[in-house]
C-alpha cells in the first residue's frame, strides 16, 4: 500500500481545516479526489477516537451549548424528490459545548435537532466534566428535559438564554434572521449567575466552524454529499481547533493547553501519526502475474 509523505498528508489536512474545497485541494496538492476523500475518512476516524479519549476530566466553570445547521446531499424538503438520496440525507445539526474560559470544545454531536439528540449530547458532555458547572443553552426546549435528566436537579447551575425577534413579513425570502429586539434569561436549575448566562462564545465558535469548513458555506454546491464524510470533517476540525490552532484571545495558546490537557500545541503531522498508528505498518502489494490469453499485466496474488 502506497502512502503519501507525511508532509503532503499534513498539508492536505491543514487545507481541509482552512476552508479549501476537496477539489481545490486535489488540484493544489496534485493528488486525486479519491485520495483526499480517503485521507479525510482516515483522519476523521483517528481524530474522533483521540478527542473521545483525551477530552476528559476537564475543570470547567462555565459551559455554553448551541446547535448549527447544515445539510447532507439535499435539504430536508428536497430529499423526497432527490434522485438516489443516501441514508442520512437532509438537514444535519451539529451540537457543540464549549468551555467559556479555555474555549475548549468539550463535546459535540451530529444528528437531528430533537429530544433524543439533546439527551445523547448531554450524556456525552457530563462525564467529560470534573466538577459542577454553570451551563447555558439557547431557548431550544429539548434541552430542558435532557439537562434535568442527565445532571439531576442538584448537579448543575443551568440558565437558558432566549432571544426575542421581531416579526418579519418576508421571513421566507431572507438569508439573515429577523431583528433581535431583546433577550430573556431564565433560571432553570440550581443558582446560575445571571451575568454569565450567555451563548456568545459558542456562537462565535460556530462562526469559525462555518468559515473553516467549505461544506458549511451557505448558498453554494460545497455541501456534504454523505453524512459520514460530514462527520469525519467535523472530527478533524475539532481536533484542529482544540489542539493545533492557536487562539489570539488565549495569548497564542490552544484551547487544550489553556484547559491543561496538553503542555504544548500539536501539529498536523501528529494527526498523520494518529492515522498511521490506527492503520499499522503499510502492507506490501501482491506480485504481478501475466494473463496467458492476452499478455496484459494483472495485479494479484500468486497461488
Protein backbone atom coordinates (compact mmCIF):
# COMPACT_ATOMS: atom_id res chain seq x y z
CA UNK A 1 0.00 0.00 0.00
CA UNK A 2 1.46 3.32 -1.07
CA UNK A 3 1.29 6.27 1.32
CA UNK A 4 1.84 9.92 0.61
CA UNK A 5 4.70 11.54 2.54
CA UNK A 6 3.80 12.86 5.98
CA UNK A 7 4.33 16.45 4.84
CA UNK A 8 1.95 16.06 1.91
CA UNK A 9 -0.78 14.48 4.04
CA UNK A 10 -0.35 17.17 6.70
CA UNK A 11 -0.72 19.84 4.00
CA UNK A 12 -3.95 18.28 2.73
CA UNK A 13 -5.43 18.04 6.24
CA UNK A 14 -4.44 21.62 7.02
CA UNK A 15 -6.17 22.84 3.87
CA UNK A 16 -9.30 20.90 4.83
CA UNK A 17 -9.36 22.90 8.08
CA UNK A 18 -8.69 26.24 6.40
CA UNK A 19 -11.79 26.38 4.21
CA UNK A 20 -10.48 24.85 0.97
CA UNK A 21 -12.76 22.59 -1.05
CA UNK A 22 -11.76 19.00 -1.70
CA UNK A 23 -11.44 19.55 -5.44
CA UNK A 24 -9.24 22.61 -4.99
CA UNK A 25 -7.07 20.62 -2.58
CA UNK A 26 -6.70 17.83 -5.15
CA UNK A 27 -5.51 20.40 -7.70
CA UNK A 28 -3.12 22.27 -5.38
CA UNK A 29 -1.66 19.13 -3.81
CA UNK A 30 -1.63 17.29 -7.17
CA UNK A 31 -3.46 14.23 -5.86
CA UNK A 32 -6.70 12.58 -6.87
CA UNK A 33 -10.02 13.49 -5.29
CA UNK A 34 -10.30 9.91 -4.02
CA UNK A 35 -7.00 10.36 -2.19
CA UNK A 36 -8.29 13.47 -0.44
CA UNK A 37 -11.55 11.71 0.45
CA UNK A 38 -9.79 8.65 1.88
CA UNK A 39 -7.43 10.81 3.91
CA UNK A 40 -10.39 12.73 5.32
CA UNK A 41 -12.09 9.48 6.36
CA UNK A 42 -8.92 8.11 7.94
CA UNK A 43 -8.25 11.39 9.77
CA UNK A 44 -11.86 11.64 10.93
CA UNK A 45 -11.78 8.17 12.46
CA UNK A 46 -8.45 8.81 14.19
CA UNK A 47 -9.44 12.26 15.45
CA UNK A 48 -12.79 11.06 16.78
CA UNK A 49 -11.07 8.42 18.91
CA UNK A 50 -8.40 10.89 20.03
CA UNK A 51 -10.95 13.51 21.13
CA UNK A 52 -13.05 10.93 22.95
CA UNK A 53 -10.05 9.63 24.90
CA UNK A 54 -8.29 12.94 25.59
CA UNK A 55 -11.02 15.47 26.39
CA UNK A 56 -11.82 14.05 29.82
CA UNK A 57 -11.81 15.25 33.43
CA UNK A 58 -11.89 18.93 32.39
CA UNK A 59 -12.01 21.51 35.17
CA UNK A 60 -14.56 23.98 33.85
CA UNK A 61 -16.63 26.75 35.41
CA UNK A 62 -18.93 27.86 32.60
CA UNK A 63 -20.15 25.82 29.64
CA UNK A 64 -22.16 27.13 26.69
CA UNK A 65 -24.10 24.96 24.23
CA UNK A 66 -25.59 25.63 20.82
CA UNK A 67 -26.53 23.93 17.54
CA UNK A 68 -25.50 24.84 13.99
CA UNK A 69 -27.39 23.79 10.85
CA UNK A 70 -26.13 22.24 7.65
CA UNK A 71 -27.35 19.51 5.31
CA UNK A 72 -26.15 16.42 3.51
CA UNK A 73 -26.93 15.64 -0.14
CA UNK A 74 -30.12 17.77 -0.13
CA UNK A 75 -32.13 19.93 2.20
CA UNK A 76 -34.84 18.08 4.08
CA UNK A 77 -37.66 19.47 1.94
CA UNK A 78 -35.94 18.24 -1.25
CA UNK A 79 -35.00 14.73 -0.10
CA UNK A 80 -38.31 13.08 -1.16
CA UNK A 81 -37.79 14.21 -4.76
CA UNK A 82 -33.98 13.76 -4.81
CA UNK A 83 -32.54 11.06 -7.02
CA UNK A 84 -30.87 8.18 -5.16
CA UNK A 85 -30.57 10.07 -1.89
CA UNK A 86 -28.38 8.04 0.53
CA UNK A 87 -29.35 7.27 4.12
CA UNK A 88 -28.78 10.31 6.32
CA UNK A 89 -29.65 12.87 3.65
CA UNK A 90 -31.36 16.05 4.71
CA UNK A 91 -30.83 18.56 7.49
CA UNK A 92 -27.85 17.89 9.74
CA UNK A 93 -27.39 19.63 13.08
CA UNK A 94 -24.07 19.86 14.91
CA UNK A 95 -24.40 20.28 18.67
CA UNK A 96 -21.41 21.87 20.42
CA UNK A 97 -20.45 22.55 24.04
CA UNK A 98 -17.62 24.99 24.73
CA UNK A 99 -15.78 25.94 27.90
CA UNK A 100 -16.19 29.72 28.17
CA UNK A 101 -12.73 30.28 29.69
CA UNK A 102 -10.41 27.99 27.73
CA UNK A 103 -12.58 27.95 24.56
CA UNK A 104 -12.19 24.16 24.53
CA UNK A 105 -14.84 22.20 22.63
CA UNK A 106 -15.84 19.72 25.31
CA UNK A 107 -18.40 17.70 23.39
CA UNK A 108 -20.06 17.64 20.00
CA UNK A 109 -22.70 15.58 18.27
CA UNK A 110 -24.02 15.22 14.72
CA UNK A 111 -27.70 14.41 14.37
CA UNK A 112 -31.20 15.82 14.32
CA UNK A 113 -32.42 18.72 16.43
CA UNK A 114 -34.74 16.66 18.58
CA UNK A 115 -35.08 15.42 22.14
CA UNK A 116 -33.14 12.19 21.60
CA UNK A 117 -30.17 14.08 20.15
CA UNK A 118 -30.27 16.56 23.04
CA UNK A 119 -30.22 13.69 25.56
CA UNK A 120 -27.32 11.94 23.82
CA UNK A 121 -25.43 15.24 23.67
CA UNK A 122 -25.82 15.90 27.41
CA UNK A 123 -24.97 12.30 28.28
CA UNK A 124 -21.68 12.68 26.39
CA UNK A 125 -20.92 16.07 27.96
CA UNK A 126 -21.42 15.19 31.63
CA UNK A 127 -18.63 12.57 32.07
CA UNK A 128 -16.11 14.92 30.46
CA UNK A 129 -16.51 17.44 33.29
CA UNK A 130 -14.55 17.13 36.52
CA UNK A 131 -16.77 19.40 38.59
CA UNK A 132 -20.12 21.19 38.82
CA UNK A 133 -20.50 23.87 36.15
CA UNK A 134 -22.78 26.69 35.14
CA UNK A 135 -24.47 25.64 31.92
CA UNK A 136 -26.11 27.96 29.39
CA UNK A 137 -28.10 26.91 26.33
CA UNK A 138 -30.31 28.71 23.88
CA UNK A 139 -34.09 28.53 24.07
CA UNK A 140 -34.41 25.15 22.36
CA UNK A 141 -36.93 23.28 24.55
CA UNK A 142 -35.30 19.89 24.01
CA UNK A 143 -32.55 20.99 26.42
CA UNK A 144 -34.95 21.23 29.37
CA UNK A 145 -35.57 17.52 29.77
CA UNK A 146 -32.12 16.49 28.57
CA UNK A 147 -30.27 18.61 31.14
CA UNK A 148 -32.53 17.77 34.07
CA UNK A 149 -32.46 14.02 33.39
CA UNK A 150 -28.69 13.92 32.80
CA UNK A 151 -27.40 16.22 35.54
CA UNK A 152 -30.27 16.00 38.01
CA UNK A 153 -31.84 18.86 39.92
CA UNK A 154 -28.74 19.42 42.08
CA UNK A 155 -25.96 18.60 39.62
CA UNK A 156 -25.71 21.79 37.57
CA UNK A 157 -26.44 25.51 37.61
CA UNK A 158 -28.46 25.87 34.44
CA UNK A 159 -29.66 29.04 32.74
CA UNK A 160 -31.39 29.41 29.39
CA UNK A 161 -30.88 32.39 27.08
CA UNK A 162 -33.97 33.06 24.96
CA UNK A 163 -33.62 35.52 22.10
CA UNK A 164 -36.65 37.56 21.09
CA UNK A 165 -37.02 38.52 17.44
CA UNK A 166 -39.35 40.99 15.78
CA UNK A 167 -41.84 39.88 13.16
CA UNK A 168 -40.73 39.87 9.55
CA UNK A 169 -43.37 39.80 6.80
CA UNK A 170 -40.78 38.46 4.32
CA UNK A 171 -39.04 35.96 6.59
CA UNK A 172 -39.04 33.22 3.93
CA UNK A 173 -37.17 35.42 1.48
CA UNK A 174 -34.36 36.46 3.76
CA UNK A 175 -30.95 34.91 4.41
CA UNK A 176 -30.49 36.56 7.80
CA UNK A 177 -32.65 36.35 10.93
CA UNK A 178 -35.24 38.93 11.85
CA UNK A 179 -34.21 41.88 14.00
CA UNK A 180 -33.25 40.96 17.56
CA UNK A 181 -35.40 43.01 19.93
CA UNK A 182 -34.42 41.54 23.28
CA UNK A 183 -33.35 38.54 25.36
CA UNK A 184 -34.74 36.67 28.34
CA UNK A 185 -32.50 34.93 30.87
CA UNK A 186 -34.37 32.07 32.55
CA UNK A 187 -33.04 30.33 35.65
CA UNK A 188 -33.83 26.64 35.19
CA UNK A 189 -31.78 24.63 37.72
CA UNK A 190 -29.52 25.49 40.63
CA UNK A 191 -28.20 29.02 41.10
CA UNK A 192 -26.66 30.25 37.85
CA UNK A 193 -25.03 33.69 37.79
CA UNK A 194 -27.20 35.86 35.50
CA UNK A 195 -24.15 37.83 34.38
CA UNK A 196 -22.75 34.66 32.80
CA UNK A 197 -25.94 33.34 31.20
CA UNK A 198 -24.64 33.79 27.66
CA UNK A 199 -24.05 31.87 24.44
CA UNK A 200 -21.67 34.39 22.86
CA UNK A 201 -18.58 32.18 22.89
CA UNK A 202 -20.24 29.10 21.43
CA UNK A 203 -21.94 31.18 18.73
CA UNK A 204 -18.59 32.73 17.81
CA UNK A 205 -17.09 29.25 17.60
CA UNK A 206 -19.93 28.25 15.28
CA UNK A 207 -18.92 31.13 13.02
CA UNK A 208 -15.35 29.85 13.00
CA UNK A 209 -16.69 26.41 12.10
CA UNK A 210 -18.72 27.80 9.21
CA UNK A 211 -15.71 29.71 7.88
CA UNK A 212 -13.21 26.88 8.36
CA UNK A 213 -15.08 24.08 6.60
CA UNK A 214 -16.13 24.50 3.00
CA UNK A 215 -19.09 22.16 3.42
CA UNK A 216 -20.72 24.63 5.83
CA UNK A 217 -20.71 27.52 3.32
CA UNK A 218 -24.25 28.58 2.51
CA UNK A 219 -25.73 29.09 -0.98
CA UNK A 220 -23.07 27.06 -2.80
CA UNK A 221 -22.64 23.49 -4.02
CA UNK A 222 -20.00 22.82 -1.34
CA UNK A 223 -22.36 20.94 0.96
CA UNK A 224 -21.64 17.42 2.19
CA UNK A 225 -22.79 14.69 -0.15
CA UNK A 226 -22.62 12.00 2.54
CA UNK A 227 -23.38 12.47 6.21
CA UNK A 228 -20.49 10.12 7.07
CA UNK A 229 -17.99 12.47 5.42
CA UNK A 230 -19.66 15.38 7.21
CA UNK A 231 -18.94 13.62 10.49
CA UNK A 232 -15.32 12.93 9.54
CA UNK A 233 -14.76 16.57 8.58
CA UNK A 234 -16.06 17.68 11.97
CA UNK A 235 -13.89 15.14 13.80
CA UNK A 236 -10.81 16.55 12.10
CA UNK A 237 -11.92 20.15 12.64
CA UNK A 238 -12.45 19.82 16.40
CA UNK A 239 -9.01 18.29 16.97
CA UNK A 240 -7.50 21.08 14.87
CA UNK A 241 -9.49 23.71 16.79
CA UNK A 242 -8.73 22.26 20.25
CA UNK A 243 -5.15 21.05 19.93
CA UNK A 244 -3.48 22.70 16.91
CA UNK A 245 -4.91 26.17 16.25
CA UNK A 246 -3.53 28.91 18.50
CA UNK A 247 -6.10 31.47 19.67
CA UNK A 248 -5.37 35.17 19.93
CA UNK A 249 -7.74 35.52 22.89
CA UNK A 250 -5.69 32.86 24.72
CA UNK A 251 -2.39 34.69 24.02
CA UNK A 252 -1.25 32.15 21.47
CA UNK A 253 -2.27 29.04 23.40
CA UNK A 254 -4.52 26.34 22.07
CA UNK A 255 -7.75 25.60 23.99
CA UNK A 256 -6.35 22.23 25.07
CA UNK A 257 -3.31 23.96 26.54
CA UNK A 258 -5.48 26.54 28.31
CA UNK A 259 -7.59 23.72 29.77
CA UNK A 260 -4.49 21.87 30.99
CA UNK A 261 -4.97 18.81 28.77
CA UNK A 262 -1.61 19.18 26.98
CA UNK A 263 1.54 21.21 27.62
CA UNK A 264 2.32 22.15 24.03
CA UNK A 265 0.39 22.51 20.77
CA UNK A 266 0.08 19.59 18.40
CA UNK A 267 0.92 19.78 14.72
CA UNK A 268 -1.00 18.38 11.78
CA UNK A 269 1.78 15.84 11.35
CA UNK A 270 0.69 14.46 14.73
CA UNK A 271 -2.72 13.74 13.22
CA UNK A 272 -0.97 11.85 10.43
CA UNK A 273 0.81 9.83 13.11
CA UNK A 274 -2.55 9.02 14.72
CA UNK A 275 -3.76 7.74 11.35
CA UNK A 276 -0.70 5.55 10.85
CA UNK A 277 -0.96 4.14 14.36
CA UNK A 278 -4.54 3.04 13.70
CA UNK A 279 -3.71 1.51 10.33
CA UNK A 280 -0.45 -0.16 11.34
CA UNK A 281 2.55 -0.58 9.03
CA UNK A 282 1.86 -0.43 5.28
CA UNK A 283 1.26 -3.76 3.63
CA UNK A 284 3.17 -4.77 0.56
CA UNK A 285 1.35 -5.07 -2.72
CA UNK A 286 0.99 -8.56 -4.14
CA UNK A 287 3.25 -9.63 -7.03
CA UNK A 288 2.17 -9.22 -10.63
CA UNK A 289 1.27 -12.06 -12.96
CA UNK A 290 0.63 -12.10 -16.66
CA UNK A 291 -2.50 -13.31 -18.34
CA UNK A 292 -1.68 -16.11 -20.73
CA UNK A 293 -4.51 -15.29 -23.12
CA UNK A 294 -3.79 -11.58 -23.66
CA UNK A 295 -0.35 -10.99 -22.23
CA UNK A 296 -1.65 -7.99 -20.32
CA UNK A 297 -0.37 -7.33 -16.80
CA UNK A 298 -2.79 -8.07 -13.99
CA UNK A 299 -2.20 -7.24 -10.34
CA UNK A 300 -2.98 -10.00 -7.89
CA UNK A 301 -1.58 -12.61 -5.54
CA UNK A 302 0.02 -15.69 -6.98
CA UNK A 303 -1.42 -19.00 -5.76
